Amino acid sequence: MGTKTGALAGALLALAGCALQGPATAGRNADAAPVVLRIAADPDANGRRPVAVDVVRAGDTAMAARLGSMDAATWFRARSTLRNEGSARIAIVSWEVVPGQTVALGSLPPFAATPVATFVYALYAAPGLHRQRMEGSAPLAVRLGRDGFTLEPPAGGGTP
């Protein structure tokens, strides 16, 4: 019984150590590549509910125009169809971010085409467009607020 108790205590301590790691650095090595995407959710984001976030890169102007015509609700309904139709012309990365969480990535998945535009869609309970566009594939800093989101200039000018 003492061995089981010791193993359980060790597992709980390991979990507690993971929980102590700050959300801004969770999953990142201090020597890792510069951050190309940071999504930070305010504590009251989406009325304190998770927010589905997609970063979508378009490989040509026709796909960019199509993506630019959709609000977030339309995008999330059509996402699977567009992924299948435009396989080489679109790249999608998805998260569900909880209030207070920060996601930081050193790279996005490879994409065959050079992106002509990058779109960020966030699925909020509040009505609204909830879509923003950036030209090309510059680093992104996304701030999820209570009823909508902003793309912020990366800290330090180069990486978010």
N, C-alpha and C. Protein backbone atom coordinates (compact mmCIF):
# COMPACT_ATOMS: atom_id res chain seq x y z
N MET A 1 0.82 -1.19 0.00
CA MET A 1 0.00 0.00 0.00
C MET A 1 0.87 1.25 0.00
N GLY A 2 1.99 1.24 0.70
CA GLY A 2 2.88 2.39 0.74
C GLY A 2 3.45 2.72 -0.62
N THR A 3 3.74 1.72 -1.45
CA THR A 3 4.28 1.94 -2.79
C THR A 3 3.25 2.62 -3.67
N LYS A 4 1.99 2.17 -3.57
CA LYS A 4 0.92 2.79 -4.37
C LYS A 4 0.70 4.24 -3.96
N THR A 5 0.73 4.49 -2.66
CA THR A 5 0.54 5.85 -2.16
C THR A 5 1.68 6.74 -2.63
N GLY A 6 2.91 6.24 -2.58
CA GLY A 6 4.07 7.01 -3.04
C GLY A 6 3.99 7.30 -4.53
N ALA A 7 3.55 6.32 -5.33
CA ALA A 7 3.42 6.52 -6.78
C ALA A 7 2.34 7.56 -7.08
N LEU A 8 1.23 7.47 -6.35
CA LEU A 8 0.16 8.44 -6.54
C LEU A 8 0.62 9.84 -6.16
N ALA A 9 1.35 9.96 -5.05
CA ALA A 9 1.86 11.27 -4.63
C ALA A 9 2.82 11.83 -5.67
N GLY A 10 3.68 10.96 -6.23
CA GLY A 10 4.62 11.40 -7.26
C GLY A 10 3.90 11.88 -8.50
N ALA A 11 2.84 11.17 -8.90
CA ALA A 11 2.07 11.57 -10.08
C ALA A 11 1.39 12.91 -9.84
N LEU A 12 0.83 13.10 -8.65
CA LEU A 12 0.16 14.37 -8.34
C LEU A 12 1.16 15.53 -8.32
N LEU A 13 2.36 15.29 -7.80
CA LEU A 13 3.38 16.33 -7.80
C LEU A 13 3.80 16.68 -9.23
N ALA A 14 3.92 15.68 -10.08
CA ALA A 14 4.28 15.93 -11.48
C ALA A 14 3.21 16.77 -12.17
N LEU A 15 1.93 16.42 -11.92
CA LEU A 15 0.85 17.21 -12.50
C LEU A 15 0.85 18.63 -11.97
N ALA A 16 1.09 18.79 -10.69
CA ALA A 16 1.14 20.13 -10.10
C ALA A 16 2.25 20.94 -10.73
N GLY A 17 3.38 20.32 -11.01
CA GLY A 17 4.50 21.02 -11.66
C GLY A 17 4.12 21.48 -13.04
N CYS A 18 3.35 20.66 -13.79
CA CYS A 18 2.89 21.08 -15.13
C CYS A 18 1.94 22.25 -15.01
N ALA A 19 1.08 22.23 -14.00
CA ALA A 19 0.11 23.30 -13.84
C ALA A 19 0.79 24.61 -13.47
N LEU A 20 1.97 24.54 -12.83
CA LEU A 20 2.66 25.76 -12.45
C LEU A 20 3.31 26.46 -13.63
N GLN A 21 3.49 25.73 -14.72
CA GLN A 21 4.10 26.34 -15.91
C GLN A 21 3.13 27.39 -16.43
N GLY A 22 3.59 28.60 -16.64
CA GLY A 22 2.73 29.70 -17.07
C GLY A 22 2.13 29.43 -18.43
N PRO A 23 0.90 29.92 -18.68
CA PRO A 23 0.24 29.66 -19.94
C PRO A 23 0.99 30.25 -21.13
N ALA A 24 1.72 31.34 -20.93
CA ALA A 24 2.42 31.95 -22.06
C ALA A 24 3.59 31.09 -22.53
N THR A 25 4.10 30.22 -21.67
CA THR A 25 5.24 29.41 -22.05
C THR A 25 4.89 27.94 -22.15
N ALA A 26 3.65 27.59 -21.88
CA ALA A 26 3.27 26.17 -21.91
C ALA A 26 3.60 25.55 -23.25
N GLY A 27 4.30 24.45 -23.22
CA GLY A 27 4.62 23.72 -24.44
C GLY A 27 5.77 24.31 -25.24
N ARG A 28 6.42 25.35 -24.74
CA ARG A 28 7.50 25.99 -25.48
C ARG A 28 8.81 25.81 -24.74
N ASN A 29 9.83 25.55 -25.47
CA ASN A 29 11.19 25.45 -24.94
C ASN A 29 11.80 26.84 -25.03
N ALA A 30 12.53 27.26 -24.02
CA ALA A 30 13.14 28.59 -24.01
C ALA A 30 14.06 28.79 -25.22
N ASP A 31 14.65 27.70 -25.75
CA ASP A 31 15.55 27.81 -26.89
C ASP A 31 14.82 27.61 -28.21
N ALA A 32 13.50 27.55 -28.21
CA ALA A 32 12.71 27.29 -29.42
C ALA A 32 12.78 28.48 -30.38
N ALA A 33 12.32 28.23 -31.60
CA ALA A 33 12.28 29.27 -32.62
C ALA A 33 11.39 30.43 -32.17
N PRO A 34 11.55 31.60 -32.78
CA PRO A 34 10.69 32.73 -32.43
C PRO A 34 9.21 32.38 -32.67
N VAL A 35 8.36 33.00 -31.91
CA VAL A 35 6.93 32.75 -32.02
C VAL A 35 6.39 33.39 -33.30
N VAL A 36 5.64 32.60 -34.10
CA VAL A 36 5.01 33.15 -35.30
C VAL A 36 3.52 33.35 -35.10
N LEU A 37 2.98 32.76 -34.05
CA LEU A 37 1.56 32.93 -33.74
C LEU A 37 1.37 32.88 -32.24
N ARG A 38 0.68 33.90 -31.71
CA ARG A 38 0.32 33.91 -30.30
C ARG A 38 -1.16 34.25 -30.23
N ILE A 39 -1.90 33.39 -29.56
CA ILE A 39 -3.33 33.64 -29.32
C ILE A 39 -3.49 33.75 -27.81
N ALA A 40 -3.94 34.89 -27.34
CA ALA A 40 -4.13 35.12 -25.91
C ALA A 40 -5.60 35.44 -25.67
N ALA A 41 -6.23 34.66 -24.81
CA ALA A 41 -7.64 34.86 -24.48
C ALA A 41 -7.76 35.59 -23.15
N ASP A 42 -8.49 36.69 -23.15
CA ASP A 42 -8.78 37.40 -21.91
C ASP A 42 -9.58 36.48 -20.98
N PRO A 43 -9.55 36.73 -19.67
CA PRO A 43 -10.31 35.89 -18.73
C PRO A 43 -11.82 35.87 -19.01
N ASP A 44 -12.35 36.93 -19.62
CA ASP A 44 -13.78 36.96 -19.92
C ASP A 44 -14.08 36.73 -21.40
N ALA A 45 -13.13 36.16 -22.14
CA ALA A 45 -13.31 35.94 -23.58
C ALA A 45 -14.58 35.14 -23.83
N ASN A 46 -15.34 35.60 -24.82
CA ASN A 46 -16.56 34.92 -25.26
C ASN A 46 -17.51 34.65 -24.10
N GLY A 47 -17.62 35.60 -23.19
CA GLY A 47 -18.49 35.42 -22.04
C GLY A 47 -18.06 34.26 -21.16
N ARG A 48 -16.73 34.07 -21.05
CA ARG A 48 -16.12 33.01 -20.23
C ARG A 48 -16.38 31.61 -20.79
N ARG A 49 -16.49 31.53 -22.12
CA ARG A 49 -16.66 30.23 -22.79
C ARG A 49 -15.52 30.04 -23.78
N PRO A 50 -15.15 28.79 -24.12
CA PRO A 50 -14.10 28.56 -25.11
C PRO A 50 -14.42 29.21 -26.45
N VAL A 51 -13.36 29.57 -27.17
CA VAL A 51 -13.50 30.19 -28.50
C VAL A 51 -12.79 29.29 -29.51
N ALA A 52 -13.52 28.86 -30.53
CA ALA A 52 -12.89 28.14 -31.64
C ALA A 52 -12.19 29.18 -32.51
N VAL A 53 -10.92 28.94 -32.83
CA VAL A 53 -10.12 29.87 -33.63
C VAL A 53 -9.49 29.09 -34.77
N ASP A 54 -9.64 29.62 -35.99
CA ASP A 54 -8.97 29.05 -37.16
C ASP A 54 -8.09 30.11 -37.79
N VAL A 55 -6.86 29.74 -38.10
CA VAL A 55 -5.97 30.57 -38.90
C VAL A 55 -5.92 29.89 -40.26
N VAL A 56 -6.31 30.63 -41.29
CA VAL A 56 -6.47 30.06 -42.63
C VAL A 56 -5.60 30.84 -43.60
N ARG A 57 -4.74 30.13 -44.32
CA ARG A 57 -3.88 30.76 -45.32
C ARG A 57 -4.39 30.41 -46.71
N ALA A 58 -4.54 31.43 -47.54
CA ALA A 58 -5.00 31.26 -48.92
C ALA A 58 -3.82 31.32 -49.86
N GLY A 59 -3.75 30.37 -50.79
CA GLY A 59 -2.63 30.27 -51.72
C GLY A 59 -2.82 31.02 -53.02
N ASP A 60 -4.02 31.54 -53.27
CA ASP A 60 -4.25 32.33 -54.48
C ASP A 60 -5.33 33.38 -54.23
N THR A 61 -5.42 34.34 -55.14
CA THR A 61 -6.34 35.46 -54.93
C THR A 61 -7.80 35.04 -55.00
N ALA A 62 -8.13 34.02 -55.80
CA ALA A 62 -9.52 33.56 -55.88
C ALA A 62 -9.96 32.98 -54.53
N MET A 63 -9.11 32.16 -53.92
CA MET A 63 -9.45 31.58 -52.62
C MET A 63 -9.49 32.68 -51.56
N ALA A 64 -8.58 33.64 -51.64
CA ALA A 64 -8.58 34.76 -50.69
C ALA A 64 -9.88 35.55 -50.80
N ALA A 65 -10.35 35.78 -52.02
CA ALA A 65 -11.60 36.52 -52.20
C ALA A 65 -12.77 35.74 -51.62
N ARG A 66 -12.78 34.44 -51.83
CA ARG A 66 -13.86 33.61 -51.29
C ARG A 66 -13.84 33.64 -49.77
N LEU A 67 -12.67 33.48 -49.18
CA LEU A 67 -12.56 33.51 -47.72
C LEU A 67 -12.94 34.88 -47.16
N GLY A 68 -12.58 35.93 -47.89
CA GLY A 68 -12.87 37.28 -47.44
C GLY A 68 -14.34 37.63 -47.47
N SER A 69 -15.15 36.81 -48.12
CA SER A 69 -16.58 37.08 -48.20
C SER A 69 -17.37 36.41 -47.07
N MET A 70 -16.68 35.65 -46.22
CA MET A 70 -17.36 34.88 -45.17
C MET A 70 -17.15 35.48 -43.79
N ASP A 71 -18.23 35.49 -43.00
CA ASP A 71 -18.06 35.80 -41.58
C ASP A 71 -17.66 34.49 -40.89
N ALA A 72 -17.36 34.56 -39.61
CA ALA A 72 -16.86 33.38 -38.89
C ALA A 72 -17.89 32.26 -38.85
N ALA A 73 -19.16 32.58 -38.62
CA ALA A 73 -20.17 31.52 -38.54
C ALA A 73 -20.27 30.77 -39.87
N THR A 74 -20.24 31.50 -40.99
CA THR A 74 -20.27 30.87 -42.31
C THR A 74 -19.02 30.03 -42.53
N TRP A 75 -17.86 30.58 -42.16
CA TRP A 75 -16.60 29.83 -42.31
C TRP A 75 -16.66 28.49 -41.58
N PHE A 76 -17.06 28.50 -40.32
CA PHE A 76 -17.06 27.26 -39.55
C PHE A 76 -18.05 26.24 -40.09
N ARG A 77 -19.15 26.70 -40.71
CA ARG A 77 -20.08 25.76 -41.35
C ARG A 77 -19.50 25.19 -42.64
N ALA A 78 -18.73 25.98 -43.39
CA ALA A 78 -18.22 25.58 -44.71
C ALA A 78 -16.80 25.03 -44.68
N ARG A 79 -16.17 25.02 -43.54
CA ARG A 79 -14.75 24.67 -43.43
C ARG A 79 -14.41 23.33 -44.08
N SER A 80 -15.12 22.27 -43.78
CA SER A 80 -14.81 20.95 -44.33
C SER A 80 -14.92 20.93 -45.85
N THR A 81 -15.96 21.55 -46.37
CA THR A 81 -16.16 21.60 -47.82
C THR A 81 -15.02 22.36 -48.48
N LEU A 82 -14.66 23.50 -47.94
CA LEU A 82 -13.57 24.30 -48.52
C LEU A 82 -12.24 23.57 -48.43
N ARG A 83 -12.01 22.87 -47.33
CA ARG A 83 -10.78 22.10 -47.18
C ARG A 83 -10.68 21.05 -48.29
N ASN A 84 -11.78 20.37 -48.57
CA ASN A 84 -11.80 19.34 -49.61
C ASN A 84 -11.69 19.93 -51.01
N GLU A 85 -12.37 21.04 -51.27
CA GLU A 85 -12.36 21.66 -52.60
C GLU A 85 -11.02 22.30 -52.94
N GLY A 86 -10.41 22.95 -51.97
CA GLY A 86 -9.21 23.74 -52.25
C GLY A 86 -7.96 23.20 -51.62
N SER A 87 -7.80 21.90 -51.59
CA SER A 87 -6.74 21.25 -50.83
C SER A 87 -5.35 21.88 -50.99
N ALA A 88 -4.95 22.23 -52.21
CA ALA A 88 -3.61 22.81 -52.40
C ALA A 88 -3.62 24.33 -52.29
N ARG A 89 -4.80 24.94 -52.19
CA ARG A 89 -4.90 26.39 -52.17
C ARG A 89 -5.26 26.96 -50.81
N ILE A 90 -5.37 26.08 -49.81
CA ILE A 90 -5.79 26.53 -48.49
C ILE A 90 -5.08 25.70 -47.42
N ALA A 91 -4.69 26.36 -46.34
CA ALA A 91 -4.11 25.67 -45.18
C ALA A 91 -4.84 26.17 -43.94
N ILE A 92 -5.24 25.25 -43.08
CA ILE A 92 -6.06 25.58 -41.91
C ILE A 92 -5.40 25.02 -40.65
N VAL A 93 -5.32 25.86 -39.64
CA VAL A 93 -4.85 25.44 -38.32
C VAL A 93 -5.93 25.86 -37.33
N SER A 94 -6.35 24.92 -36.47
CA SER A 94 -7.49 25.17 -35.59
C SER A 94 -7.15 24.94 -34.12
N TRP A 95 -7.80 25.72 -33.27
CA TRP A 95 -7.69 25.57 -31.81
C TRP A 95 -9.03 25.83 -31.19
N GLU A 96 -9.18 25.38 -29.97
CA GLU A 96 -10.26 25.83 -29.10
C GLU A 96 -9.55 26.39 -27.87
N VAL A 97 -9.67 27.69 -27.69
CA VAL A 97 -8.94 28.40 -26.64
C VAL A 97 -9.90 28.73 -25.51
N VAL A 98 -9.49 28.41 -24.30
CA VAL A 98 -10.34 28.71 -23.14
C VAL A 98 -9.94 30.07 -22.57
N PRO A 99 -10.88 30.75 -21.91
CA PRO A 99 -10.56 32.05 -21.32
C PRO A 99 -9.34 31.96 -20.41
N GLY A 100 -8.45 32.94 -20.57
CA GLY A 100 -7.23 33.00 -19.77
C GLY A 100 -6.06 32.22 -20.36
N GLN A 101 -6.29 31.45 -21.41
CA GLN A 101 -5.23 30.62 -22.01
C GLN A 101 -4.45 31.41 -23.05
N THR A 102 -3.16 31.07 -23.20
CA THR A 102 -2.32 31.62 -24.26
C THR A 102 -1.71 30.46 -25.02
N VAL A 103 -1.77 30.54 -26.33
CA VAL A 103 -1.16 29.55 -27.22
C VAL A 103 -0.05 30.26 -27.98
N ALA A 104 1.14 29.69 -27.99
CA ALA A 104 2.25 30.30 -28.72
C ALA A 104 2.93 29.22 -29.57
N LEU A 105 3.07 29.48 -30.86
CA LEU A 105 3.68 28.52 -31.78
C LEU A 105 4.90 29.11 -32.46
N GLY A 106 5.92 28.29 -32.61
CA GLY A 106 7.13 28.69 -33.31
C GLY A 106 7.03 28.51 -34.81
N SER A 107 6.03 27.74 -35.27
CA SER A 107 5.83 27.55 -36.70
C SER A 107 4.40 27.10 -36.95
N LEU A 108 3.97 27.30 -38.17
CA LEU A 108 2.68 26.79 -38.61
C LEU A 108 2.97 25.62 -39.53
N PRO A 109 2.02 24.73 -39.73
CA PRO A 109 2.27 23.61 -40.63
C PRO A 109 2.70 24.09 -42.01
N PRO A 110 3.52 23.29 -42.69
CA PRO A 110 3.98 23.69 -44.03
C PRO A 110 2.82 23.83 -45.00
N PHE A 111 2.99 24.73 -45.94
CA PHE A 111 1.96 25.00 -46.94
C PHE A 111 2.67 25.09 -48.28
N ALA A 112 2.20 24.36 -49.28
CA ALA A 112 2.87 24.28 -50.58
C ALA A 112 2.96 25.63 -51.28
N ALA A 113 1.90 26.42 -51.20
CA ALA A 113 1.86 27.71 -51.88
C ALA A 113 2.36 28.81 -50.94
N THR A 114 2.86 29.90 -51.52
CA THR A 114 3.17 31.08 -50.74
C THR A 114 1.85 31.78 -50.46
N PRO A 115 1.48 31.95 -49.18
CA PRO A 115 0.18 32.56 -48.88
C PRO A 115 0.06 33.98 -49.42
N VAL A 116 -1.08 34.28 -50.05
CA VAL A 116 -1.35 35.64 -50.48
C VAL A 116 -2.11 36.40 -49.40
N ALA A 117 -2.79 35.66 -48.52
CA ALA A 117 -3.53 36.28 -47.42
C ALA A 117 -3.69 35.26 -46.31
N THR A 118 -3.77 35.78 -45.09
CA THR A 118 -4.03 34.95 -43.92
C THR A 118 -5.27 35.51 -43.24
N PHE A 119 -6.21 34.63 -42.94
CA PHE A 119 -7.45 35.01 -42.27
C PHE A 119 -7.49 34.38 -40.89
N VAL A 120 -8.04 35.12 -39.95
CA VAL A 120 -8.29 34.58 -38.61
C VAL A 120 -9.80 34.66 -38.41
N TYR A 121 -10.39 33.51 -38.06
CA TYR A 121 -11.81 33.41 -37.75
C TYR A 121 -11.94 32.96 -36.31
N ALA A 122 -12.84 33.58 -35.56
CA ALA A 122 -13.09 33.19 -34.17
C ALA A 122 -14.59 33.04 -33.98
N LEU A 123 -15.01 31.91 -33.47
CA LEU A 123 -16.44 31.62 -33.31
C LEU A 123 -16.91 32.08 -31.93
N TYR A 124 -17.58 33.24 -31.93
CA TYR A 124 -18.09 33.85 -30.71
C TYR A 124 -19.60 33.63 -30.60
N ALA A 125 -20.10 33.66 -29.38
CA ALA A 125 -21.54 33.60 -29.15
C ALA A 125 -22.20 34.92 -29.57
N ALA A 126 -21.48 36.03 -29.44
CA ALA A 126 -22.00 37.34 -29.82
C ALA A 126 -22.04 37.48 -31.34
N PRO A 127 -23.05 38.15 -31.88
CA PRO A 127 -23.10 38.33 -33.33
C PRO A 127 -21.95 39.23 -33.80
N GLY A 128 -21.54 39.03 -35.04
CA GLY A 128 -20.49 39.87 -35.62
C GLY A 128 -19.73 39.14 -36.70
N LEU A 129 -18.87 39.87 -37.39
CA LEU A 129 -18.07 39.32 -38.48
C LEU A 129 -17.04 38.33 -37.94
N HIS A 130 -16.32 38.67 -36.90
CA HIS A 130 -15.32 37.83 -36.24
C HIS A 130 -14.34 37.20 -37.23
N ARG A 131 -13.93 38.02 -38.20
CA ARG A 131 -12.93 37.61 -39.20
C ARG A 131 -12.02 38.79 -39.44
N GLN A 132 -10.72 38.51 -39.54
CA GLN A 132 -9.77 39.56 -39.90
C GLN A 132 -8.79 38.98 -40.90
N ARG A 133 -8.27 39.86 -41.75
CA ARG A 133 -7.36 39.45 -42.81
C ARG A 133 -6.03 40.17 -42.68
N MET A 134 -4.97 39.43 -42.98
CA MET A 134 -3.63 40.00 -43.10
C MET A 134 -3.06 39.54 -44.42
N GLU A 135 -2.31 40.40 -45.06
CA GLU A 135 -1.66 40.01 -46.31
C GLU A 135 -0.49 39.09 -46.02
N GLY A 136 -0.28 38.10 -46.88
CA GLY A 136 0.88 37.22 -46.76
C GLY A 136 0.82 36.32 -45.54
N SER A 137 1.97 36.13 -44.92
CA SER A 137 2.04 35.20 -43.78
C SER A 137 2.89 35.76 -42.65
N ALA A 138 2.70 37.03 -42.35
CA ALA A 138 3.46 37.68 -41.27
C ALA A 138 3.10 37.05 -39.92
N PRO A 139 3.96 37.21 -38.92
CA PRO A 139 3.62 36.72 -37.57
C PRO A 139 2.31 37.36 -37.08
N LEU A 140 1.57 36.61 -36.29
CA LEU A 140 0.26 37.05 -35.80
C LEU A 140 0.22 37.09 -34.28
N ALA A 141 -0.41 38.10 -33.74
CA ALA A 141 -0.71 38.17 -32.32
C ALA A 141 -2.21 38.42 -32.21
N VAL A 142 -2.95 37.43 -31.74
CA VAL A 142 -4.40 37.49 -31.66
C VAL A 142 -4.80 37.66 -30.20
N ARG A 143 -5.64 38.66 -29.93
CA ARG A 143 -6.15 38.89 -28.57
C ARG A 143 -7.66 38.62 -28.60
N LEU A 144 -8.09 37.56 -27.89
CA LEU A 144 -9.50 37.21 -27.81
C LEU A 144 -10.13 37.95 -26.64
N GLY A 145 -11.09 38.80 -26.94
CA GLY A 145 -11.77 39.57 -25.91
C GLY A 145 -13.15 39.02 -25.60
N ARG A 146 -13.90 39.78 -24.85
CA ARG A 146 -15.24 39.33 -24.42
C ARG A 146 -16.17 39.07 -25.59
N ASP A 147 -16.27 40.02 -26.52
CA ASP A 147 -17.24 39.90 -27.61
C ASP A 147 -16.62 39.92 -28.99
N GLY A 148 -15.30 39.87 -29.08
CA GLY A 148 -14.62 39.90 -30.37
C GLY A 148 -13.12 39.83 -30.17
N PHE A 149 -12.38 39.86 -31.27
CA PHE A 149 -10.93 39.74 -31.17
C PHE A 149 -10.25 40.81 -31.98
N THR A 150 -8.96 41.01 -31.68
CA THR A 150 -8.14 41.95 -32.41
C THR A 150 -6.86 41.25 -32.84
N LEU A 151 -6.30 41.73 -33.93
CA LEU A 151 -4.95 41.34 -34.32
C LEU A 151 -4.08 42.47 -33.86
N GLU A 152 -3.11 42.17 -33.03
CA GLU A 152 -2.25 43.19 -32.46
C GLU A 152 -0.90 43.13 -33.14
N PRO A 153 -0.22 44.27 -33.22
CA PRO A 153 1.15 44.22 -33.76
C PRO A 153 1.99 43.33 -32.86
N PRO A 154 2.83 42.52 -33.46
CA PRO A 154 3.71 41.67 -32.65
C PRO A 154 4.60 42.51 -31.74
N ALA A 155 4.78 42.05 -30.51
CA ALA A 155 5.68 42.73 -29.58
C ALA A 155 7.09 42.71 -30.15
N GLY A 156 7.78 43.80 -30.09
CA GLY A 156 9.14 43.88 -30.60
C GLY A 156 9.19 44.02 -32.10
N GLY A 157 8.03 44.12 -32.77
CA GLY A 157 8.01 44.38 -34.20
C GLY A 157 8.13 43.16 -35.09
N GLY A 158 8.68 42.03 -34.61
CA GLY A 158 8.88 40.92 -35.51
C GLY A 158 8.09 39.68 -35.17
N THR A 159 8.02 39.35 -33.90
CA THR A 159 7.29 38.15 -33.51
C THR A 159 6.30 38.50 -32.42
N PRO A 160 5.16 37.83 -32.42
CA PRO A 160 4.13 38.15 -31.42
C PRO A 160 4.51 37.66 -30.03
